[in-house]
C-alpha atoms as a PDB file:
ATOM      1  CA  MET A   1      -0.432  -0.200   0.629  1.00  0.00           C
ATOM      2  CA  ARG A   2       2.515   2.798   0.832  1.00  0.00           C
ATOM      3  CA  ARG A   3       4.316   1.224  -2.667  1.00  0.00           C
ATOM      4  CA  MET A   4       1.466   2.561  -4.629  1.00  0.00           C
ATOM      5  CA  ASN A   5       1.358   6.168  -2.500  1.00  0.00           C
ATOM      6  CA  SER A   6       5.086   6.299  -3.401  1.00  0.00           C
ATOM      7  CA  LYS A   7       4.732   5.446  -6.960  1.00  0.00           C
ATOM      8  CA  LYS A   8       1.537   8.303  -6.626  1.00  0.00           C
ATOM      9  CA  GLN A   9       3.983  10.171  -5.428  1.00  0.00           C
ATOM     10  CA  LYS A  10       5.883  10.231  -8.278  1.00  0.00           C
ATOM     11  CA  LEU A  11       3.711  10.610 -10.753  1.00  0.00           C
ATOM     12  CA  THR A  12       2.253  13.784  -9.277  1.00  0.00           C
ATOM     13  CA  ALA A  13       5.267  15.037  -8.812  1.00  0.00           C
ATOM     14  CA  MET A  14       5.881  14.269 -12.654  1.00  0.00           C
ATOM     15  CA  ALA A  15       3.064  15.696 -13.748  1.00  0.00           C
ATOM     16  CA  ILE A  16       2.867  18.796 -11.731  1.00  0.00           C
ATOM     17  CA  GLY A  17       6.751  19.229 -13.787  1.00  0.00           C
ATOM     18  CA  PHE A  18       5.596  18.339 -16.788  1.00  0.00           C
ATOM     19  CA  PHE A  19       3.052  20.787 -16.001  1.00  0.00           C
ATOM     20  CA  LEU A  20       5.863  24.066 -15.186  1.00  0.00           C
ATOM     21  CA  VAL A  21       7.976  22.778 -17.950  1.00  0.00           C
ATOM     22  CA  PHE A  22       5.330  23.489 -21.179  1.00  0.00           C
ATOM     23  CA  ALA A  23       4.003  26.269 -19.208  1.00  0.00           C
ATOM     24  CA  GLY A  24       6.955  28.550 -18.497  1.00  0.00           C
ATOM     25  CA  HIS A  25       7.525  27.257 -21.792  1.00  0.00           C
ATOM     26  CA  GLY A  26       4.569  28.688 -24.026  1.00  0.00           C
ATOM     27  CA  ARG A  27       5.183  32.087 -21.651  1.00  0.00           C
ATOM     28  CA  SER A  28       8.460  32.282 -23.428  1.00  0.00           C
ATOM     29  CA  GLN A  29       6.395  32.281 -26.791  1.00  0.00           C
ATOM     30  CA  GLU A  30       4.727  34.856 -25.679  1.00  0.00           C
ATOM     31  CA  GLN A  31       6.655  37.878 -24.807  1.00  0.00           C
ATOM     32  CA  PRO A  32       7.358  39.855 -27.902  1.00  0.00           C
ATOM     33  CA  ILE A  33      10.467  39.687 -30.129  1.00  0.00           C
ATOM     34  CA  LYS A  34      12.872  43.090 -29.637  1.00  0.00           C
ATOM     35  CA  SER A  35      13.451  44.677 -32.915  1.00  0.00           C
ATOM     36  CA  THR A  36      17.255  45.298 -33.607  1.00  0.00           C
ATOM     37  CA  VAL A  37      15.944  47.457 -36.845  1.00  0.00           C
ATOM     38  CA  THR A  38      16.752  51.200 -36.808  1.00  0.00           C
ATOM     39  CA  PRO A  39      12.951  52.689 -38.333  1.00  0.00           C
ATOM     40  CA  PRO A  40      13.732  55.344 -41.350  1.00  0.00           C
ATOM     41  CA  PRO A  41      13.782  59.149 -39.860  1.00  0.00           C
ATOM     42  CA  ARG A  42       9.943  60.273 -40.494  1.00  0.00           C
ATOM     43  CA  LEU A  43      10.348  63.417 -43.235  1.00  0.00           C
ATOM     44  CA  THR A  44       8.891  67.046 -43.283  1.00  0.00           C
ATOM     45  CA  LEU A  45       5.925  67.914 -45.557  1.00  0.00           C
ATOM     46  CA  GLN A  46       8.846  70.053 -47.227  1.00  0.00           C
ATOM     47  CA  GLN A  47      11.415  67.176 -47.708  1.00  0.00           C
ATOM     48  CA  LYS A  48       8.441  64.945 -48.995  1.00  0.00           C
ATOM     49  CA  LYS A  49       8.102  67.860 -51.798  1.00  0.00           C
ATOM     50  CA  ASN A  50      11.426  68.846 -52.269  1.00  0.00           C
ATOM     51  CA  ILE A  51      11.379  64.092 -53.465  1.00  0.00           C
ATOM     52  CA  ILE A  52       8.675  64.852 -55.828  1.00  0.00           C
ATOM     53  CA  ILE A  53      10.963  67.784 -57.004  1.00  0.00           C
ATOM     54  CA  GLU A  54      13.403  65.740 -57.457  1.00  0.00           C
ATOM     55  CA  LYS A  55      12.978  62.917 -59.384  1.00  0.00           C
ATOM     56  CA  ASN A  56      10.352  64.821 -61.675  1.00  0.00           C
ATOM     57  CA  ILE A  57       6.948  61.631 -61.728  1.00  0.00           C
ATOM     58  CA  PHE A  58       4.724  64.507 -63.020  1.00  0.00           C
ATOM     59  CA  ARG A  59       6.293  64.481 -66.732  1.00  0.00           C
ATOM     60  CA  PRO A  60       6.715  62.002 -68.535  1.00  0.00           C
ATOM     61  CA  ALA A  61      10.012  62.604 -70.447  1.00  0.00           C
ATOM     62  CA  ARG A  62      12.438  62.844 -67.699  1.00  0.00           C
ATOM     63  CA  GLN A  63      15.332  63.987 -69.074  1.00  0.00           C
ATOM     64  CA  PRO A  64      15.651  67.713 -69.188  1.00  0.00           C
ATOM     65  CA  SER A  65      15.718  68.799 -73.214  1.00  0.00           C
ATOM     66  CA  ALA A  66      17.767  71.328 -75.175  1.00  0.00           C
ATOM     67  CA  ALA A  67      16.815  74.412 -73.896  1.00  0.00           C
ATOM     68  CA  THR A  68      16.501  72.985 -70.483  1.00  0.00           C
ATOM     69  CA  GLY A  69      20.110  71.422 -70.565  1.00  0.00           C
ATOM     70  CA  LYS A  70      22.115  74.728 -70.937  1.00  0.00           C
ATOM     71  CA  GLN A  71      23.841  76.457 -68.205  1.00  0.00           C
ATOM     72  CA  ALA A  72      21.863  79.522 -66.189  1.00  0.00           C
ATOM     73  CA  ASN A  73      25.189  82.153 -67.539  1.00  0.00           C
ATOM     74  CA  GLU A  74      23.780  81.345 -70.856  1.00  0.00           C
ATOM     75  CA  PHE A  75      22.167  84.075 -72.509  1.00  0.00           C
ATOM     76  CA  THR A  76      20.836  85.955 -75.871  1.00  0.00           C
ATOM     77  CA  VAL A  77      22.916  88.791 -76.569  1.00  0.00           C
ATOM     78  CA  GLN A  78      21.399  91.881 -78.957  1.00  0.00           C
ATOM     79  CA  GLU A  79      22.075  92.692 -81.765  1.00  0.00           C
ATOM     80  CA  THR A  80      23.247  96.330 -81.413  1.00  0.00           C
ATOM     81  CA  THR A  81      25.140  96.137 -85.163  1.00  0.00           C
ATOM     82  CA  PRO A  82      23.686  98.497 -87.473  1.00  0.00           C
ATOM     83  CA  LYS A  83      22.576  96.809 -90.663  1.00  0.00           C
ATOM     84  CA  PRO A  84      21.445  97.237 -94.164  1.00  0.00           C
ATOM     85  CA  LEU A  85      16.773  98.092 -94.094  1.00  0.00           C
ATOM     86  CA  LYS A  86      14.951  95.931 -95.974  1.00  0.00           C
ATOM     87  CA  ARG A  87      13.545  99.565 -97.652  1.00  0.00           C
ATOM     88  CA  PRO A  88      15.698 101.697 -98.293  1.00  0.00           C
ATOM     89  CA  PHE A  89      13.875 105.006 -98.472  1.00  0.00           C
ATOM     90  CA  VAL A  90      14.940 108.546 -98.814  1.00  0.00           C
ATOM     91  CA  VAL A  91      14.269 111.594 -97.411  1.00  0.00           C
ATOM     92  CA  GLN A  92      11.643 114.146 -99.300  1.00  0.00           C
ATOM     93  CA  GLY A  93      10.913 116.798 -97.811  1.00  0.00           C
ATOM     94  CA  ILE A  94      10.415 118.547 -94.752  1.00  0.00           C
ATOM     95  CA  VAL A  95       7.370 119.934 -92.952  1.00  0.00           C
ATOM     96  CA  HIS A  96       8.231 122.507 -89.787  1.00  0.00           C
ATOM     97  CA  SER A  97       5.705 124.707 -88.427  1.00  0.00           C
ATOM     98  CA  GLU A  98       4.779 125.751 -84.905  1.00  0.00           C
ATOM     99  CA  THR A  99       1.518 123.384 -85.506  1.00  0.00           C
ATOM    100  CA  ASN A 100       2.856 120.219 -87.821  1.00  0.00           C
ATOM    101  CA  VAL A 101       6.468 118.938 -87.034  1.00  0.00           C
ATOM    102  CA  TRP A 102       6.396 115.919 -89.541  1.00  0.00           C
ATOM    103  CA  ALA A 103       9.361 114.148 -92.590  1.00  0.00           C
ATOM    104  CA  ASP A 104       7.384 112.624 -95.886  1.00  0.00           C
ATOM    105  CA  LEU A 105       9.911 109.780 -96.412  1.00  0.00           C
ATOM    106  CA  ARG A 106       9.890 107.673 -99.965  1.00  0.00           C
ATOM    107  CA  PHE A 107      10.370 104.145 -99.854  1.00  0.00           C
ATOM    108  CA  GLU A 108      12.091 102.139-102.769  1.00  0.00           C
ATOM    109  CA  SER A 109      10.095  99.430-103.389  1.00  0.00           C
ATOM    110  CA  PRO A 110       7.962  98.849-103.365  1.00  0.00           C
ATOM    111  CA  GLY A 111       7.640 102.599-103.743  1.00  0.00           C
ATOM    112  CA  GLU A 112       5.260 104.656-101.857  1.00  0.00           C
ATOM    113  CA  ASN A 113       5.657 107.340 -99.415  1.00  0.00           C
ATOM    114  CA  ARG A 114       5.054 107.745 -95.711  1.00  0.00           C
ATOM    115  CA  ARG A 115       5.101 110.497 -93.014  1.00  0.00           C
ATOM    116  CA  VAL A 116       7.027 109.752 -90.045  1.00  0.00           C
ATOM    117  CA  ARG A 117       6.588 111.858 -86.873  1.00  0.00           C
ATOM    118  CA  VAL A 118       8.828 112.039 -83.419  1.00  0.00           C
ATOM    119  CA  GLY A 119       8.866 108.347 -82.206  1.00  0.00           C
ATOM    120  CA  ASP A 120       8.800 106.422 -84.845  1.00  0.00           C
ATOM    121  CA  THR A 121      10.826 103.455 -85.953  1.00  0.00           C
ATOM    122  CA  ILE A 122      11.383 102.311 -90.096  1.00  0.00           C
ATOM    123  CA  GLU A 123      13.506  98.571 -88.860  1.00  0.00           C
ATOM    124  CA  SER A 124      16.106  99.870 -87.217  1.00  0.00           C
ATOM    125  CA  ILE A 125      15.774 103.349 -87.084  1.00  0.00           C
ATOM    126  CA  THR A 126      14.101 105.301 -84.446  1.00  0.00           C
ATOM    127  CA  ILE A 127      12.983 108.997 -85.215  1.00  0.00           C
ATOM    128  CA  THR A 128      14.162 110.863 -82.036  1.00  0.00           C
ATOM    129  CA  GLY A 129      13.874 114.451 -82.987  1.00  0.00           C
ATOM    130  CA  ILE A 130      12.582 116.669 -86.562  1.00  0.00           C
ATOM    131  CA  SER A 131      14.675 119.925 -86.496  1.00  0.00           C
ATOM    132  CA  PRO A 132      13.614 121.879 -90.246  1.00  0.00           C
ATOM    133  CA  SER A 133      17.267 120.881 -92.072  1.00  0.00           C
ATOM    134  CA  TYR A 134      17.327 117.862 -90.392  1.00  0.00           C
ATOM    135  CA  LEU A 135      15.999 114.458 -88.883  1.00  0.00           C
ATOM    136  CA  ALA A 136      18.017 112.937 -86.136  1.00  0.00           C
ATOM    137  CA  CYS A 137      17.938 109.710 -85.891  1.00  0.00           C
ATOM    138  CA  ASN A 138      19.244 106.163 -83.141  1.00  0.00           C
ATOM    139  CA  TYR A 139      20.478 103.527 -85.887  1.00  0.00           C
ATOM    140  CA  ALA A 140      20.958 100.718 -83.488  1.00  0.00           C
ATOM    141  CA  GLY A 141      22.411 102.793 -80.844  1.00  0.00           C
ATOM    142  CA  LYS A 142      24.205 104.855 -82.616  1.00  0.00           C
ATOM    143  CA  GLN A 143      22.844 109.066 -83.303  1.00  0.00           C
ATOM    144  CA  ILE A 144      22.443 109.879 -87.029  1.00  0.00           C
ATOM    145  CA  TRP A 145      21.340 112.693 -88.820  1.00  0.00           C
ATOM    146  CA  LEU A 146      19.058 112.652 -92.539  1.00  0.00           C
ATOM    147  CA  ALA A 147      19.169 115.992 -94.545  1.00  0.00           C
ATOM    148  CA  VAL A 148      16.468 116.028 -97.459  1.00  0.00           C
ATOM    149  CA  GLY A 149      17.863 114.133 -99.998  1.00  0.00           C
ATOM    150  CA  GLU A 150      19.670 111.876 -97.935  1.00  0.00           C
ATOM    151  CA  THR A 151      18.904 108.237 -97.700  1.00  0.00           C
ATOM    152  CA  SER A 152      19.165 105.084 -95.174  1.00  0.00           C
ATOM    153  CA  ASN A 153      22.305 104.188 -96.863  1.00  0.00           C
ATOM    154  CA  ASP A 154      23.875 107.474 -95.898  1.00  0.00           C
ATOM    155  CA  ALA A 155      22.231 106.789 -91.397  1.00  0.00           C
ATOM    156  CA  LEU A 156      23.912 103.782 -92.017  1.00  0.00           C
ATOM    157  CA  ALA A 157      27.146 104.515 -93.537  1.00  0.00           C
ATOM    158  CA  GLN A 158      27.502 107.337 -90.325  1.00  0.00           C
ATOM    159  CA  ALA A 159      26.287 104.457 -88.039  1.00  0.00           C
ATOM    160  CA  GLN A 160      29.297 102.603 -89.302  1.00  0.00           C
ATOM    161  CA  GLY A 161      31.804 105.826 -89.101  1.00  0.00           C
ATOM    162  CA  PHE A 162      32.048 105.742 -92.534  1.00  0.00           C
ATOM    163  CA  HIS A 163      32.846 109.247 -93.693  1.00  0.00           C
ATOM    164  CA  ARG A 164      30.522 109.517 -96.808  1.00  0.00           C
ATOM    165  CA  GLU A 165      33.551 111.507 -99.467  1.00  0.00           C
ATOM    166  CA  TYR A 166      31.193 114.693-102.022  1.00  0.00           C
ATOM    167  CA  ASP A 167      32.078 116.282-105.356  1.00  0.00           C
ATOM    168  CA  LEU A 168      31.800 118.723-105.490  1.00  0.00           C
ATOM    169  CA  ILE A 169      28.966 120.620-108.800  1.00  0.00           C
ATOM    170  CA  ALA A 170      29.516 125.052-107.897  1.00  0.00           C
ATOM    171  CA  THR A 171      29.135 127.002-106.197  1.00  0.00           C
ATOM    172  CA  THR A 172      26.392 130.353-105.500  1.00  0.00           C
ATOM    173  CA  ILE A 173      27.638 133.587-104.274  1.00  0.00           C
ATOM    174  CA  GLN A 174      24.773 136.998-104.142  1.00  0.00           C
ATOM    175  CA  GLY A 175      25.279 139.221-101.306  1.00  0.00           C
ATOM    176  CA  GLU A 176      24.871 137.456 -98.454  1.00  0.00           C
ATOM    177  CA  LEU A 177      22.739 134.290 -99.794  1.00  0.00           C
ATOM    178  CA  ARG A 178      25.727 131.647-100.680  1.00  0.00           C
ATOM    179  CA  PHE A 179      24.782 127.601-101.579  1.00  0.00           C
ATOM    180  CA  ALA A 180      26.422 125.226-103.801  1.00  0.00           C
ATOM    181  CA  THR A 181      25.227 121.623-105.278  1.00  0.00           C
ATOM    182  CA  ILE A 182      26.844 118.084-104.287  1.00  0.00           C
ATOM    183  CA  ARG A 183      27.060 115.091-105.586  1.00  0.00           C
ATOM    184  CA  LEU A 184      27.649 112.409-102.965  1.00  0.00           C
ATOM    185  CA  ARG A 185      30.977 110.685-104.698  1.00  0.00           C
ATOM    186  CA  GLY A 186      29.388 106.689-106.292  1.00  0.00           C
ATOM    187  CA  GLU A 187      25.875 108.073-106.648  1.00  0.00           C
ATOM    188  CA  ASP A 188      24.139 110.024-108.848  1.00  0.00           C
ATOM    189  CA  ARG A 189      21.395 112.446-106.581  1.00  0.00           C
ATOM    190  CA  ILE A 190      22.339 116.256-106.717  1.00  0.00           C
ATOM    191  CA  ARG A 191      22.247 118.745-103.424  1.00  0.00           C
ATOM    192  CA  ARG A 192      22.190 122.085-103.114  1.00  0.00           C
ATOM    193  CA  ILE A 193      23.637 123.149 -99.763  1.00  0.00           C
ATOM    194  CA  SER A 194      23.532 126.352 -97.316  1.00  0.00           C
ATOM    195  CA  GLU A 195      25.814 126.863 -94.637  1.00  0.00           C
ATOM    196  CA  GLY A 196      24.666 125.072 -91.710  1.00  0.00           C
ATOM    197  CA  ASP A 197      23.226 122.138 -93.422  1.00  0.00           C
ATOM    198  CA  ILE A 198      23.342 118.963 -92.535  1.00  0.00           C
ATOM    199  CA  LEU A 199      24.164 116.760 -94.590  1.00  0.00           C
ATOM    200  CA  SER A 200      24.296 112.764 -92.920  1.00  0.00           C
ATOM    201  CA  ASP A 201      27.895 112.756 -90.868  1.00  0.00           C
ATOM    202  CA  ALA A 202      28.978 116.310 -91.748  1.00  0.00           C
ATOM    203  CA  THR A 203      28.217 120.358 -91.359  1.00  0.00           C
ATOM    204  CA  VAL A 204      28.712 122.852 -94.066  1.00  0.00           C
ATOM    205  CA  ILE A 205      30.318 124.718 -92.008  1.00  0.00           C
ATOM    206  CA  ARG A 206      31.120 127.780 -94.388  1.00  0.00           C
ATOM    207  CA  ILE A 207      31.060 127.788 -98.726  1.00  0.00           C
ATOM    208  CA  GLU A 208      33.257 130.630-100.621  1.00  0.00           C
ATOM    209  CA  PRO A 209      34.064 130.334-104.962  1.00  0.00           C
ATOM    210  CA  GLY A 210      34.856 127.114-105.441  1.00  0.00           C
ATOM    211  CA  ARG A 211      34.801 126.109-101.727  1.00  0.00           C
ATOM    212  CA  VAL A 212      32.819 124.174 -99.371  1.00  0.00           C
ATOM    213  CA  TYR A 213      34.206 123.380 -95.678  1.00  0.00           C
ATOM    214  CA  LEU A 214      32.510 120.867 -94.356  1.00  0.00           C
ATOM    215  CA  ARG A 215      33.250 119.615 -90.269  1.00  0.00           C
ATOM    216  CA  TYR A 216      32.109 115.442 -89.041  1.00  0.00           C
ATOM    217  CA  GLU A 217      30.974 115.203 -85.678  1.00  0.00           C
ATOM    218  CA  ASP A 218      34.530 113.538 -84.689  1.00  0.00           C
ATOM    219  CA  GLY A 219      35.436 117.478 -84.796  1.00  0.00           C
ATOM    220  CA  PHE A 220      37.789 116.510 -88.498  1.00  0.00           C
ATOM    221  CA  GLU A 221      37.489 119.402 -90.809  1.00  0.00           C
ATOM    222  CA  HIS A 222      38.182 119.887 -94.546  1.00  0.00           C
ATOM    223  CA  TYR A 223      37.000 121.281 -97.855  1.00  0.00           C
ATOM    224  CA  ILE A 224      35.662 120.428-100.965  1.00  0.00           C
ATOM    225  CA  GLU A 225      36.377 122.198-104.701  1.00  0.00           C
ATOM    226  CA  PRO A 226      35.239 121.309-107.832  1.00  0.00           C
ATOM    227  CA  THR A 227      37.315 118.097-108.788  1.00  0.00           C
ATOM    228  CA  GLY A 228      36.088 115.944-105.693  1.00  0.00           C
ATOM    229  CA  GLN A 229      38.801 115.871-103.864  1.00  0.00           C
ATOM    230  CA  PRO A 230      38.489 116.305-100.951  1.00  0.00           C
ATOM    231  CA  THR A 231      41.770 118.156 -98.907  1.00  0.00           C
ATOM    232  CA  GLY A 232      42.698 119.336 -95.255  1.00  0.00           C
ATOM    233  CA  PRO A 233      42.676 123.147 -94.087  1.00  0.00           C
END
């Protein structure tokens, strides 16, 4: 009888031991596992916007075009070199009074007349002033003057810094009246000039028998004689 009780006690002890082992094993499985991976940092709203912009996800073509791929320091320089006009013209006349101030231009092709006032622009020439005897103009950034009978080619030569050469045909002196007839060398146009008149690139400073004195914008002076050859003063 005692042996049976001893076996029962042993079995009971073993059962209790197994129960405790299984119970402990279950609790160990229920314990959470600590992670060794560091979570990514939280991004601010501005950081998210920057990522979207850098990835350019809203454009089908991700590669920059030739226009947008240029360096920031590249820019287009505006052309300021005087060039011949596509439609040359000649100054036909000037009206200058207290109520009316304008100039009449005649274009070569197609032949047509145009009345211009201060502020008007003909291609790269802007009218900046009108006097009784000449037009003041801005030709691609260069200040030039055009008298009646002169052309846009005269304006171009002055804007480019060339001195025009004139042939003296005749001078007329009648008391206080002094004038001369000249021709721009290489052209057939004949002009009548008086003292104080402004040519495209020179001013008539004095007229004497058989001689006309000119002063250019840069201060250079010379006179012309009927031979047409300019001579120094």
